[in-house]
Amino acid sequence: MTEREQLLNRVRMYDFALVDVSLYLDGHPHNASALAYYQKNRKLLNEAKAAYEARFGPLSRKNSTDETEWTWINDPWPWEGADN
């Protein structure tokens, strides 16, 4: 597995964890351990996204920060596979 694939898998893993715990919190909004789990995984997701984007570029249009070129359209896009 390439570095790109590893970093993208980390982003996907933490994103999935956040979706899952968010659904739980919808029904159990006062569960302190679930809320702590959410906060921990939100931090890890932000770190994983930052690591991916620093090495391979933005994961979404809103994260495209290049002021001289619209780099969002550069291939491969994250969902097209890591090494296309």
PDB file of N, CA and C in Angstrom:
ATOM      1  N   MET A   1       0.852  -1.176   0.000  1.00  0.00           N
ATOM      2  CA  MET A   1       0.000   0.000   0.000  1.00  0.00           C
ATOM      3  C   MET A   1       0.898   1.240   0.000  1.00  0.00           C
ATOM      4  N   THR A   2       0.574   2.167  -0.858  1.00  0.00           N
ATOM      5  CA  THR A   2       1.370   3.384  -0.972  1.00  0.00           C
ATOM      6  C   THR A   2       1.086   4.326   0.201  1.00  0.00           C
ATOM      7  N   GLU A   3       1.953   5.320   0.349  1.00  0.00           N
ATOM      8  CA  GLU A   3       1.751   6.322   1.391  1.00  0.00           C
ATOM      9  C   GLU A   3       0.425   7.056   1.178  1.00  0.00           C
ATOM     10  N   ARG A   4       0.117   7.354  -0.059  1.00  0.00           N
ATOM     11  CA  ARG A   4      -1.131   8.053  -0.385  1.00  0.00           C
ATOM     12  C   ARG A   4      -2.338   7.226   0.065  1.00  0.00           C
ATOM     13  N   GLU A   5      -2.316   5.947  -0.238  1.00  0.00           N
ATOM     14  CA  GLU A   5      -3.422   5.064   0.154  1.00  0.00           C
ATOM     15  C   GLU A   5      -3.527   4.968   1.678  1.00  0.00           C
ATOM     16  N   GLN A   6      -2.393   4.873   2.355  1.00  0.00           N
ATOM     17  CA  GLN A   6      -2.400   4.793   3.818  1.00  0.00           C
ATOM     18  C   GLN A   6      -3.005   6.045   4.438  1.00  0.00           C
ATOM     19  N   LEU A   7      -2.592   7.209   3.950  1.00  0.00           N
ATOM     20  CA  LEU A   7      -3.120   8.462   4.489  1.00  0.00           C
ATOM     21  C   LEU A   7      -4.609   8.614   4.199  1.00  0.00           C
ATOM     22  N   LEU A   8      -5.023   8.254   2.996  1.00  0.00           N
ATOM     23  CA  LEU A   8      -6.438   8.357   2.649  1.00  0.00           C
ATOM     24  C   LEU A   8      -7.270   7.380   3.472  1.00  0.00           C
ATOM     25  N   ASN A   9      -6.743   6.198   3.731  1.00  0.00           N
ATOM     26  CA  ASN A   9      -7.460   5.239   4.568  1.00  0.00           C
ATOM     27  C   ASN A   9      -7.614   5.748   5.997  1.00  0.00           C
ATOM     28  N   ARG A  10      -6.611   6.450   6.505  1.00  0.00           N
ATOM     29  CA  ARG A  10      -6.731   7.051   7.838  1.00  0.00           C
ATOM     30  C   ARG A  10      -7.849   8.085   7.855  1.00  0.00           C
ATOM     31  N   VAL A  11      -7.909   8.919   6.821  1.00  0.00           N
ATOM     32  CA  VAL A  11      -8.984   9.915   6.727  1.00  0.00           C
ATOM     33  C   VAL A  11     -10.336   9.216   6.716  1.00  0.00           C
ATOM     34  N   ARG A  12     -10.462   8.187   5.905  1.00  0.00           N
ATOM     35  CA  ARG A  12     -11.734   7.456   5.816  1.00  0.00           C
ATOM     36  C   ARG A  12     -12.107   6.798   7.141  1.00  0.00           C
ATOM     37  N   MET A  13     -11.127   6.223   7.826  1.00  0.00           N
ATOM     38  CA  MET A  13     -11.373   5.535   9.087  1.00  0.00           C
ATOM     39  C   MET A  13     -11.915   6.504  10.139  1.00  0.00           C
ATOM     40  N   TYR A  14     -11.249   7.643  10.300  1.00  0.00           N
ATOM     41  CA  TYR A  14     -11.697   8.607  11.309  1.00  0.00           C
ATOM     42  C   TYR A  14     -13.020   9.246  10.915  1.00  0.00           C
ATOM     43  N   ASP A  15     -13.232   9.466   9.631  1.00  0.00           N
ATOM     44  CA  ASP A  15     -14.504  10.021   9.176  1.00  0.00           C
ATOM     45  C   ASP A  15     -15.641   9.051   9.478  1.00  0.00           C
ATOM     46  N   PHE A  16     -15.421   7.765   9.224  1.00  0.00           N
ATOM     47  CA  PHE A  16     -16.432   6.754   9.523  1.00  0.00           C
ATOM     48  C   PHE A  16     -16.731   6.713  11.021  1.00  0.00           C
ATOM     49  N   ALA A  17     -15.682   6.773  11.842  1.00  0.00           N
ATOM     50  CA  ALA A  17     -15.871   6.755  13.296  1.00  0.00           C
ATOM     51  C   ALA A  17     -16.727   7.939  13.736  1.00  0.00           C
ATOM     52  N   LEU A  18     -16.506   9.104  13.134  1.00  0.00           N
ATOM     53  CA  LEU A  18     -17.299  10.286  13.493  1.00  0.00           C
ATOM     54  C   LEU A  18     -18.765  10.136  13.083  1.00  0.00           C
ATOM     55  N   VAL A  19     -18.999   9.597  11.910  1.00  0.00           N
ATOM     56  CA  VAL A  19     -20.383   9.386  11.471  1.00  0.00           C
ATOM     57  C   VAL A  19     -21.069   8.421  12.429  1.00  0.00           C
ATOM     58  N   ASP A  20     -20.391   7.335  12.763  1.00  0.00           N
ATOM     59  CA  ASP A  20     -20.959   6.315  13.623  1.00  0.00           C
ATOM     60  C   ASP A  20     -21.285   6.873  15.018  1.00  0.00           C
ATOM     61  N   VAL A  21     -20.335   7.535  15.629  1.00  0.00           N
ATOM     62  CA  VAL A  21     -20.574   8.062  16.974  1.00  0.00           C
ATOM     63  C   VAL A  21     -21.578   9.217  16.939  1.00  0.00           C
ATOM     64  N   SER A  22     -21.643   9.956  15.852  1.00  0.00           N
ATOM     65  CA  SER A  22     -22.642  11.030  15.729  1.00  0.00           C
ATOM     66  C   SER A  22     -24.053  10.456  15.772  1.00  0.00           C
ATOM     67  N   LEU A  23     -24.240   9.342  15.086  1.00  0.00           N
ATOM     68  CA  LEU A  23     -25.564   8.701  15.100  1.00  0.00           C
ATOM     69  C   LEU A  23     -25.915   8.234  16.507  1.00  0.00           C
ATOM     70  N   TYR A  24     -24.943   7.702  17.216  1.00  0.00           N
ATOM     71  CA  TYR A  24     -25.180   7.287  18.597  1.00  0.00           C
ATOM     72  C   TYR A  24     -25.520   8.490  19.474  1.00  0.00           C
ATOM     73  N   LEU A  25     -24.760   9.569  19.309  1.00  0.00           N
ATOM     74  CA  LEU A  25     -24.992  10.765  20.119  1.00  0.00           C
ATOM     75  C   LEU A  25     -26.350  11.405  19.848  1.00  0.00           C
ATOM     76  N   ASP A  26     -26.876  11.217  18.645  1.00  0.00           N
ATOM     77  CA  ASP A  26     -28.219  11.734  18.350  1.00  0.00           C
ATOM     78  C   ASP A  26     -29.250  11.153  19.315  1.00  0.00           C
ATOM     79  N   GLY A  27     -29.054   9.910  19.714  1.00  0.00           N
ATOM     80  CA  GLY A  27     -29.986   9.258  20.635  1.00  0.00           C
ATOM     81  C   GLY A  27     -29.549   9.298  22.089  1.00  0.00           C
ATOM     82  N   HIS A  28     -28.275   9.619  22.316  1.00  0.00           N
ATOM     83  CA  HIS A  28     -27.712   9.634  23.672  1.00  0.00           C
ATOM     84  C   HIS A  28     -26.852  10.887  23.848  1.00  0.00           C
ATOM     85  N   PRO A  29     -27.455  12.061  23.788  1.00  0.00           N
ATOM     86  CA  PRO A  29     -26.684  13.309  23.754  1.00  0.00           C
ATOM     87  C   PRO A  29     -25.909  13.631  25.032  1.00  0.00           C
ATOM     88  N   HIS A  30     -26.197  12.940  26.121  1.00  0.00           N
ATOM     89  CA  HIS A  30     -25.520  13.240  27.384  1.00  0.00           C
ATOM     90  C   HIS A  30     -24.466  12.196  27.744  1.00  0.00           C
ATOM     91  N   ASN A  31     -24.143  11.311  26.821  1.00  0.00           N
ATOM     92  CA  ASN A  31     -23.163  10.263  27.089  1.00  0.00           C
ATOM     93  C   ASN A  31     -21.759  10.863  27.009  1.00  0.00           C
ATOM     94  N   ALA A  32     -21.133  11.048  28.151  1.00  0.00           N
ATOM     95  CA  ALA A  32     -19.831  11.722  28.223  1.00  0.00           C
ATOM     96  C   ALA A  32     -18.734  10.937  27.507  1.00  0.00           C
ATOM     97  N   SER A  33     -18.738   9.626  27.627  1.00  0.00           N
ATOM     98  CA  SER A  33     -17.677   8.854  26.968  1.00  0.00           C
ATOM     99  C   SER A  33     -17.827   8.888  25.450  1.00  0.00           C
ATOM    100  N   ALA A  34     -19.052   8.869  24.960  1.00  0.00           N
ATOM    101  CA  ALA A  34     -19.271   8.965  23.512  1.00  0.00           C
ATOM    102  C   ALA A  34     -18.859  10.340  23.000  1.00  0.00           C
ATOM    103  N   LEU A  35     -19.152  11.369  23.777  1.00  0.00           N
ATOM    104  CA  LEU A  35     -18.762  12.721  23.381  1.00  0.00           C
ATOM    105  C   LEU A  35     -17.241  12.866  23.374  1.00  0.00           C
ATOM    106  N   ALA A  36     -16.571  12.270  24.355  1.00  0.00           N
ATOM    107  CA  ALA A  36     -15.098  12.296  24.395  1.00  0.00           C
ATOM    108  C   ALA A  36     -14.523  11.537  23.202  1.00  0.00           C
ATOM    109  N   TYR A  37     -15.155  10.411  22.851  1.00  0.00           N
ATOM    110  CA  TYR A  37     -14.731   9.635  21.684  1.00  0.00           C
ATOM    111  C   TYR A  37     -14.887  10.470  20.412  1.00  0.00           C
ATOM    112  N   TYR A  38     -16.001  11.188  20.315  1.00  0.00           N
ATOM    113  CA  TYR A  38     -16.237  12.065  19.170  1.00  0.00           C
ATOM    114  C   TYR A  38     -15.144  13.125  19.070  1.00  0.00           C
ATOM    115  N   GLN A  39     -14.857  13.786  20.182  1.00  0.00           N
ATOM    116  CA  GLN A  39     -13.845  14.848  20.189  1.00  0.00           C
ATOM    117  C   GLN A  39     -12.472  14.301  19.803  1.00  0.00           C
ATOM    118  N   LYS A  40     -12.121  13.146  20.343  1.00  0.00           N
ATOM    119  CA  LYS A  40     -10.827  12.529  20.033  1.00  0.00           C
ATOM    120  C   LYS A  40     -10.722  12.214  18.543  1.00  0.00           C
ATOM    121  N   ASN A  41     -11.770  11.611  17.987  1.00  0.00           N
ATOM    122  CA  ASN A  41     -11.728  11.245  16.575  1.00  0.00           C
ATOM    123  C   ASN A  41     -11.830  12.442  15.651  1.00  0.00           C
ATOM    124  N   ARG A  42     -12.488  13.495  16.088  1.00  0.00           N
ATOM    125  CA  ARG A  42     -12.527  14.730  15.287  1.00  0.00           C
ATOM    126  C   ARG A  42     -11.124  15.311  15.174  1.00  0.00           C
ATOM    127  N   LYS A  43     -10.389  15.304  16.279  1.00  0.00           N
ATOM    128  CA  LYS A  43      -9.002  15.791  16.277  1.00  0.00           C
ATOM    129  C   LYS A  43      -8.128  14.912  15.373  1.00  0.00           C
ATOM    130  N   LEU A  44      -8.289  13.600  15.490  1.00  0.00           N
ATOM    131  CA  LEU A  44      -7.504  12.679  14.663  1.00  0.00           C
ATOM    132  C   LEU A  44      -7.858  12.830  13.182  1.00  0.00           C
ATOM    133  N   LEU A  45      -9.131  13.061  12.871  1.00  0.00           N
ATOM    134  CA  LEU A  45      -9.542  13.281  11.482  1.00  0.00           C
ATOM    135  C   LEU A  45      -8.900  14.547  10.930  1.00  0.00           C
ATOM    136  N   ASN A  46      -8.929  15.610  11.698  1.00  0.00           N
ATOM    137  CA  ASN A  46      -8.314  16.865  11.243  1.00  0.00           C
ATOM    138  C   ASN A  46      -6.817  16.689  11.004  1.00  0.00           C
ATOM    139  N   GLU A  47      -6.153  15.942  11.872  1.00  0.00           N
ATOM    140  CA  GLU A  47      -4.722  15.672  11.700  1.00  0.00           C
ATOM    141  C   GLU A  47      -4.475  14.809  10.463  1.00  0.00           C
ATOM    142  N   ALA A  48      -5.309  13.803  10.247  1.00  0.00           N
ATOM    143  CA  ALA A  48      -5.156  12.933   9.082  1.00  0.00           C
ATOM    144  C   ALA A  48      -5.384  13.711   7.789  1.00  0.00           C
ATOM    145  N   LYS A  49      -6.395  14.563   7.776  1.00  0.00           N
ATOM    146  CA  LYS A  49      -6.652  15.396   6.592  1.00  0.00           C
ATOM    147  C   LYS A  49      -5.477  16.323   6.322  1.00  0.00           C
ATOM    148  N   ALA A  50      -4.957  16.943   7.366  1.00  0.00           N
ATOM    149  CA  ALA A  50      -3.825  17.860   7.204  1.00  0.00           C
ATOM    150  C   ALA A  50      -2.602  17.118   6.655  1.00  0.00           C
ATOM    151  N   ALA A  51      -2.355  15.913   7.154  1.00  0.00           N
ATOM    152  CA  ALA A  51      -1.212  15.132   6.676  1.00  0.00           C
ATOM    153  C   ALA A  51      -1.389  14.771   5.203  1.00  0.00           C
ATOM    154  N   TYR A  52      -2.595  14.344   4.831  1.00  0.00           N
ATOM    155  CA  TYR A  52      -2.857  13.994   3.429  1.00  0.00           C
ATOM    156  C   TYR A  52      -2.702  15.221   2.534  1.00  0.00           C
ATOM    157  N   GLU A  53      -3.324  16.316   2.920  1.00  0.00           N
ATOM    158  CA  GLU A  53      -3.321  17.513   2.085  1.00  0.00           C
ATOM    159  C   GLU A  53      -1.941  18.149   1.973  1.00  0.00           C
ATOM    160  N   ALA A  54      -1.133  18.034   2.999  1.00  0.00           N
ATOM    161  CA  ALA A  54       0.226  18.564   2.933  1.00  0.00           C
ATOM    162  C   ALA A  54       1.057  17.807   1.911  1.00  0.00           C
ATOM    163  N   ARG A  55       0.776  16.539   1.762  1.00  0.00           N
ATOM    164  CA  ARG A  55       1.565  15.691   0.856  1.00  0.00           C
ATOM    165  C   ARG A  55       0.949  15.576  -0.540  1.00  0.00           C
ATOM    166  N   PHE A  56      -0.388  15.509  -0.615  1.00  0.00           N
ATOM    167  CA  PHE A  56      -1.033  15.175  -1.891  1.00  0.00           C
ATOM    168  C   PHE A  56      -2.068  16.178  -2.387  1.00  0.00           C
ATOM    169  N   GLY A  57      -2.288  17.255  -1.670  1.00  0.00           N
ATOM    170  CA  GLY A  57      -3.229  18.264  -2.134  1.00  0.00           C
ATOM    171  C   GLY A  57      -4.584  18.147  -1.468  1.00  0.00           C
ATOM    172  N   PRO A  58      -5.484  19.054  -1.814  1.00  0.00           N
ATOM    173  CA  PRO A  58      -6.774  19.164  -1.121  1.00  0.00           C
ATOM    174  C   PRO A  58      -7.683  17.955  -1.332  1.00  0.00           C
ATOM    175  N   LEU A  59      -8.422  17.620  -0.280  1.00  0.00           N
ATOM    176  CA  LEU A  59      -9.413  16.547  -0.341  1.00  0.00           C
ATOM    177  C   LEU A  59     -10.763  17.053  -0.841  1.00  0.00           C
ATOM    178  N   SER A  60     -10.980  18.362  -0.765  1.00  0.00           N
ATOM    179  CA  SER A  60     -12.220  18.948  -1.270  1.00  0.00           C
ATOM    180  C   SER A  60     -11.931  20.357  -1.780  1.00  0.00           C
ATOM    181  N   ARG A  61     -12.865  20.886  -2.550  1.00  0.00           N
ATOM    182  CA  ARG A  61     -12.680  22.226  -3.126  1.00  0.00           C
ATOM    183  C   ARG A  61     -12.434  23.278  -2.057  1.00  0.00           C
ATOM    184  N   LYS A  62     -13.151  23.181  -0.950  1.00  0.00           N
ATOM    185  CA  LYS A  62     -13.029  24.216   0.074  1.00  0.00           C
ATOM    186  C   LYS A  62     -11.658  24.236   0.733  1.00  0.00           C
ATOM    187  N   ASN A  63     -10.878  23.181   0.535  1.00  0.00           N
ATOM    188  CA  ASN A  63      -9.536  23.124   1.115  1.00  0.00           C
ATOM    189  C   ASN A  63      -8.455  23.512   0.116  1.00  0.00           C
ATOM    190  N   SER A  64      -8.838  23.910  -1.072  1.00  0.00           N
ATOM    191  CA  SER A  64      -7.884  24.349  -2.080  1.00  0.00           C
ATOM    192  C   SER A  64      -7.424  25.756  -1.718  1.00  0.00           C
ATOM    193  N   THR A  65      -6.150  25.900  -1.370  1.00  0.00           N
ATOM    194  CA  THR A  65      -5.658  27.182  -0.867  1.00  0.00           C
ATOM    195  C   THR A  65      -4.685  27.883  -1.804  1.00  0.00           C
ATOM    196  N   ASP A  66      -4.337  27.280  -2.917  1.00  0.00           N
ATOM    197  CA  ASP A  66      -3.402  27.907  -3.850  1.00  0.00           C
ATOM    198  C   ASP A  66      -4.046  29.146  -4.454  1.00  0.00           C
ATOM    199  N   GLU A  67      -3.417  30.281  -4.276  1.00  0.00           N
ATOM    200  CA  GLU A  67      -3.985  31.540  -4.757  1.00  0.00           C
ATOM    201  C   GLU A  67      -3.607  31.865  -6.192  1.00  0.00           C
ATOM    202  N   THR A  68      -2.725  31.072  -6.790  1.00  0.00           N
ATOM    203  CA  THR A  68      -2.290  31.350  -8.159  1.00  0.00           C
ATOM    204  C   THR A  68      -2.858  30.375  -9.183  1.00  0.00           C
ATOM    205  N   GLU A  69      -3.393  29.250  -8.711  1.00  0.00           N
ATOM    206  CA  GLU A  69      -3.915  28.232  -9.629  1.00  0.00           C
ATOM    207  C   GLU A  69      -5.018  27.445  -8.937  1.00  0.00           C
ATOM    208  N   TRP A  70      -6.021  27.024  -9.684  1.00  0.00           N
ATOM    209  CA  TRP A  70      -7.106  26.212  -9.156  1.00  0.00           C
ATOM    210  C   TRP A  70      -6.645  24.760  -9.163  1.00  0.00           C
ATOM    211  N   THR A  71      -5.946  24.342  -8.101  1.00  0.00           N
ATOM    212  CA  THR A  71      -5.324  23.017  -8.032  1.00  0.00           C
ATOM    213  C   THR A  71      -6.312  21.894  -7.761  1.00  0.00           C
ATOM    214  N   TRP A  72      -7.538  22.239  -7.422  1.00  0.00           N
ATOM    215  CA  TRP A  72      -8.528  21.202  -7.135  1.00  0.00           C
ATOM    216  C   TRP A  72      -8.711  20.244  -8.308  1.00  0.00           C
ATOM    217  N   ILE A  73      -8.523  20.707  -9.521  1.00  0.00           N
ATOM    218  CA  ILE A  73      -8.775  19.862 -10.690  1.00  0.00           C
ATOM    219  C   ILE A  73      -7.605  18.961 -11.061  1.00  0.00           C
ATOM    220  N   ASN A  74      -6.477  19.086 -10.369  1.00  0.00           N
ATOM    221  CA  ASN A  74      -5.327  18.247 -10.682  1.00  0.00           C
ATOM    222  C   ASN A  74      -5.607  16.786 -10.335  1.00  0.00           C
ATOM    223  N   ASP A  75      -5.194  15.891 -11.238  1.00  0.00           N
ATOM    224  CA  ASP A  75      -5.409  14.453 -11.030  1.00  0.00           C
ATOM    225  C   ASP A  75      -4.300  13.870 -10.179  1.00  0.00           C
ATOM    226  N   PRO A  76      -4.540  12.703  -9.564  1.00  0.00           N
ATOM    227  CA  PRO A  76      -5.844  12.056  -9.413  1.00  0.00           C
ATOM    228  C   PRO A  76      -6.621  12.660  -8.261  1.00  0.00           C
ATOM    229  N   TRP A  77      -7.922  12.640  -8.375  1.00  0.00           N
ATOM    230  CA  TRP A  77      -8.762  13.104  -7.283  1.00  0.00           C
ATOM    231  C   TRP A  77      -8.839  11.997  -6.241  1.00  0.00           C
ATOM    232  N   PRO A  78      -9.080  12.327  -5.007  1.00  0.00           N
ATOM    233  CA  PRO A  78      -9.033  11.322  -3.940  1.00  0.00           C
ATOM    234  C   PRO A  78      -9.877  10.083  -4.188  1.00  0.00           C
ATOM    235  N   TRP A  79     -11.037  10.235  -4.766  1.00  0.00           N
ATOM    236  CA  TRP A  79     -11.928   9.090  -4.976  1.00  0.00           C
ATOM    237  C   TRP A  79     -11.588   8.297  -6.233  1.00  0.00           C
ATOM    238  N   GLU A  80     -10.644   8.755  -7.041  1.00  0.00           N
ATOM    239  CA  GLU A  80     -10.291   8.057  -8.266  1.00  0.00           C
ATOM    240  C   GLU A  80      -9.254   6.951  -8.044  1.00  0.00           C
ATOM    241  N   GLY A  81      -8.803   6.788  -6.854  1.00  0.00           N
ATOM    242  CA  GLY A  81      -7.767   5.799  -6.565  1.00  0.00           C
ATOM    243  C   GLY A  81      -6.466   6.504  -6.326  1.00  0.00           C
ATOM    244  N   ALA A  82      -5.693   5.951  -5.474  1.00  0.00           N
ATOM    245  CA  ALA A  82      -4.479   6.627  -5.016  1.00  0.00           C
ATOM    246  C   ALA A  82      -3.417   6.782  -6.069  1.00  0.00           C
ATOM    247  N   ASP A  83      -3.290   5.842  -6.964  1.00  0.00           N
ATOM    248  CA  ASP A  83      -2.172   5.908  -7.909  1.00  0.00           C
ATOM    249  C   ASP A  83      -2.594   5.869  -9.374  1.00  0.00           C
ATOM    250  N   ASN A  84      -3.715   6.483  -9.691  1.00  0.00           N
ATOM    251  CA  ASN A  84      -4.160   6.529 -11.097  1.00  0.00           C
ATOM    252  C   ASN A  84      -3.296   7.469 -11.892  1.00  0.00           C
TER     253      ASN A  84
END
